[in-house]
Amino acid sequence: MNYKEFIYKPIGIIRSPFKTIEGVPIQPAGAKGTKGEVKVYKKYSTGLKSLEGFSHIILIYHFHLSRGYKLLVVPFMDVEERGVFATRAPKRPNPVGISVVKINSIKDSTIEVDNIDIIDGTPLLDIKPYISRFDNITKEKNGWYSKSGNDVSKIKADKRFK
């Protein structure tokens, strides 16, 4: 099959204290305690049923401020150029991001979360429950990142992917 294009429609919007790209934590691990809201549009809110039994969710979203892409990038936690698919850089052929966040509460169509590393107003594409039995890999390799020695909690986004 030869797919040329896909069209996704947002199911909601993500709210956070981050209004610009600069200064955003680059991963949820660097956003400990940062609170946000996931506002699911009413027409999709029935899909939240049974989500309250999970401690964490995976947010899938559109990098709406990203324009264009680069196949070679210097990631935030490195000084060497890497292939974009070996990074989590936002300038990608399909600007899709993922973040694992902690659920604090769910009320109606709003999920209050912790550890958010997403810019305010980001379109939400999907939500999936984090299930440790499925999502926690114990025999992993972390590629170039293993050698970086950087602490993700101390690194914030800058202008390099604007």
Protein backbone atom coordinates (compact mmCIF):
# COMPACT_ATOMS: atom_id res chain seq x y z
CA MET A 1 0.00 0.00 0.00
CA ASN A 2 1.15 3.49 -0.74
CA TYR A 3 -0.07 5.93 1.90
CA LYS A 4 0.41 9.57 1.02
CA GLU A 5 -1.29 11.43 3.83
CA PHE A 6 -3.14 10.97 7.08
CA ILE A 7 -5.42 13.46 8.72
CA TYR A 8 -5.84 13.46 12.49
CA LYS A 9 -8.24 15.60 14.46
CA PRO A 10 -7.42 16.66 18.01
CA ILE A 11 -9.44 15.08 20.81
CA GLY A 12 -8.58 17.87 23.23
CA ILE A 13 -6.03 20.42 24.31
CA ILE A 14 -3.18 20.34 26.82
CA ARG A 15 -2.78 23.16 29.35
CA SER A 16 0.49 23.87 31.11
CA PRO A 17 2.41 26.77 32.64
CA PHE A 18 4.76 26.88 29.60
CA LYS A 19 3.78 29.64 27.16
CA THR A 20 6.90 29.59 24.93
CA ILE A 21 9.34 26.93 23.73
CA GLU A 22 12.31 28.31 25.67
CA GLY A 23 12.52 26.97 29.19
CA VAL A 24 10.22 23.97 28.76
CA PRO A 25 11.54 20.81 30.44
CA ILE A 26 12.71 18.47 27.69
CA GLN A 27 11.13 15.34 29.21
CA PRO A 28 8.61 14.58 31.99
CA ALA A 29 11.53 13.43 34.18
CA GLY A 30 12.73 17.04 34.11
CA ALA A 31 9.27 18.41 34.97
CA LYS A 32 8.78 16.76 38.37
CA GLY A 33 5.87 18.41 40.18
CA THR A 34 4.87 20.64 37.24
CA LYS A 35 1.09 20.60 37.08
CA GLY A 36 -1.06 20.73 33.97
CA GLU A 37 -4.46 19.83 32.60
CA VAL A 38 -5.55 17.60 29.78
CA LYS A 39 -8.88 18.91 28.54
CA VAL A 40 -10.67 16.32 26.42
CA TYR A 41 -13.38 17.67 24.15
CA LYS A 42 -16.86 16.76 25.43
CA LYS A 43 -17.67 14.56 22.44
CA TYR A 44 -14.77 12.26 23.44
CA SER A 45 -15.16 12.40 27.23
CA THR A 46 -16.98 9.04 27.44
CA GLY A 47 -13.66 7.51 26.35
CA LEU A 48 -12.19 8.44 29.75
CA LYS A 49 -14.29 5.78 31.51
CA SER A 50 -12.12 3.47 33.70
CA LEU A 51 -9.01 5.66 33.30
CA GLU A 52 -9.14 6.60 37.00
CA GLY A 53 -7.70 3.17 37.85
CA PHE A 54 -4.34 4.09 36.32
CA SER A 55 -1.60 6.16 37.92
CA HIS A 56 -0.03 7.38 34.64
CA ILE A 57 -1.05 8.03 31.05
CA ILE A 58 0.79 8.41 27.78
CA LEU A 59 -0.17 11.62 26.00
CA ILE A 60 0.24 11.66 22.22
CA TYR A 61 0.20 15.15 20.78
CA HIS A 62 1.06 17.37 17.83
CA PHE A 63 4.12 19.64 18.06
CA HIS A 64 2.03 22.57 16.79
CA LEU A 65 4.86 25.12 16.98
CA SER A 66 7.33 22.99 15.03
CA ARG A 67 7.86 24.05 11.41
CA GLY A 68 9.67 21.84 8.96
CA TYR A 69 12.06 19.11 9.94
CA LYS A 70 15.71 18.16 9.92
CA LEU A 71 16.97 14.61 9.54
CA LEU A 72 20.18 15.48 11.43
CA VAL A 73 19.91 17.35 14.73
CA VAL A 74 21.97 18.12 17.81
CA PRO A 75 19.72 16.95 20.67
CA PHE A 76 19.40 18.91 23.90
CA MET A 77 21.41 16.37 25.89
CA ASP A 78 24.30 16.06 23.45
CA VAL A 79 26.75 18.10 21.39
CA GLU A 80 27.04 15.67 18.48
CA GLU A 81 24.76 15.58 15.45
CA ARG A 82 22.37 12.61 15.45
CA GLY A 83 19.68 11.24 13.15
CA VAL A 84 16.31 12.67 14.19
CA PHE A 85 14.91 9.16 14.72
CA ALA A 86 17.61 8.52 17.35
CA THR A 87 16.33 11.55 19.30
CA ARG A 88 13.16 13.03 20.72
CA ALA A 89 13.64 16.34 18.93
CA PRO A 90 10.37 18.06 17.89
CA LYS A 91 11.41 18.94 14.32
CA ARG A 92 10.37 15.65 12.73
CA PRO A 93 8.78 14.62 9.41
CA ASN A 94 5.61 13.94 11.42
CA PRO A 95 5.71 16.30 14.43
CA VAL A 96 4.21 13.90 16.98
CA GLY A 97 5.25 13.92 20.63
CA ILE A 98 4.68 11.57 23.55
CA SER A 99 4.88 12.17 27.29
CA VAL A 100 4.15 9.94 30.25
CA VAL A 101 2.45 11.99 32.97
CA LYS A 102 1.01 11.20 36.39
CA ILE A 103 -2.75 11.42 36.89
CA ASN A 104 -3.77 13.48 39.92
CA SER A 105 -7.51 13.50 39.30
CA ILE A 106 -10.16 13.18 36.63
CA LYS A 107 -13.28 15.33 36.73
CA ASP A 108 -15.71 15.32 33.84
CA SER A 109 -13.53 15.80 30.76
CA THR A 110 -10.47 17.25 32.53
CA ILE A 111 -7.48 15.23 33.72
CA GLU A 112 -5.25 17.02 36.25
CA VAL A 113 -1.67 15.79 35.78
CA ASP A 114 1.86 16.14 37.20
CA ASN A 115 5.24 16.15 35.45
CA ILE A 116 4.03 17.91 32.30
CA ASP A 117 6.67 18.94 29.75
CA ILE A 118 4.34 20.24 27.04
CA ILE A 119 3.66 23.78 25.79
CA ASP A 120 0.31 25.30 26.74
CA GLY A 121 -2.30 24.94 23.99
CA THR A 122 -0.80 21.83 22.42
CA PRO A 123 -3.36 19.75 20.48
CA LEU A 124 -3.99 16.32 22.03
CA LEU A 125 -4.20 13.42 19.55
CA ASP A 126 -4.66 10.45 21.87
CA ILE A 127 -4.36 9.11 25.41
CA LYS A 128 -3.19 5.64 26.35
CA PRO A 129 -2.87 4.15 29.82
CA TYR A 130 0.68 3.51 31.01
CA ILE A 131 0.83 -0.17 31.96
CA SER A 132 4.10 -1.13 33.61
CA ARG A 133 3.82 -4.76 32.54
CA PHE A 134 3.69 -3.65 28.89
CA ASP A 135 5.65 -0.40 28.90
CA ASN A 136 8.53 -0.97 31.35
CA ILE A 137 11.45 -2.59 29.53
CA THR A 138 14.07 -4.02 31.86
CA LYS A 139 16.81 -4.99 29.38
CA GLU A 140 17.27 -1.78 27.48
CA LYS A 141 20.02 -0.05 25.54
CA ASN A 142 20.01 3.73 25.49
CA GLY A 143 22.31 4.43 22.56
CA TRP A 144 24.20 7.73 22.53
CA TYR A 145 22.29 8.94 25.58
CA SER A 146 24.14 6.47 27.83
CA LYS A 147 27.33 8.44 27.24
CA SER A 148 25.87 11.92 27.61
CA GLY A 149 26.11 12.06 31.40
CA ASN A 150 23.58 14.90 31.43
CA ASP A 151 20.86 15.19 34.06
CA VAL A 152 17.51 15.67 32.28
CA SER A 153 16.10 17.55 35.27
CA LYS A 154 18.60 20.38 34.68
CA ILE A 155 18.13 20.82 30.92
CA LYS A 156 15.45 23.07 29.44
CA ALA A 157 14.48 23.72 25.82
CA ASP A 158 16.21 26.51 23.97
CA LYS A 159 15.70 27.98 20.49
CA ARG A 160 17.47 25.25 18.52
CA PHE A 161 14.24 23.57 17.28
CA LYS A 162 12.19 26.72 16.75
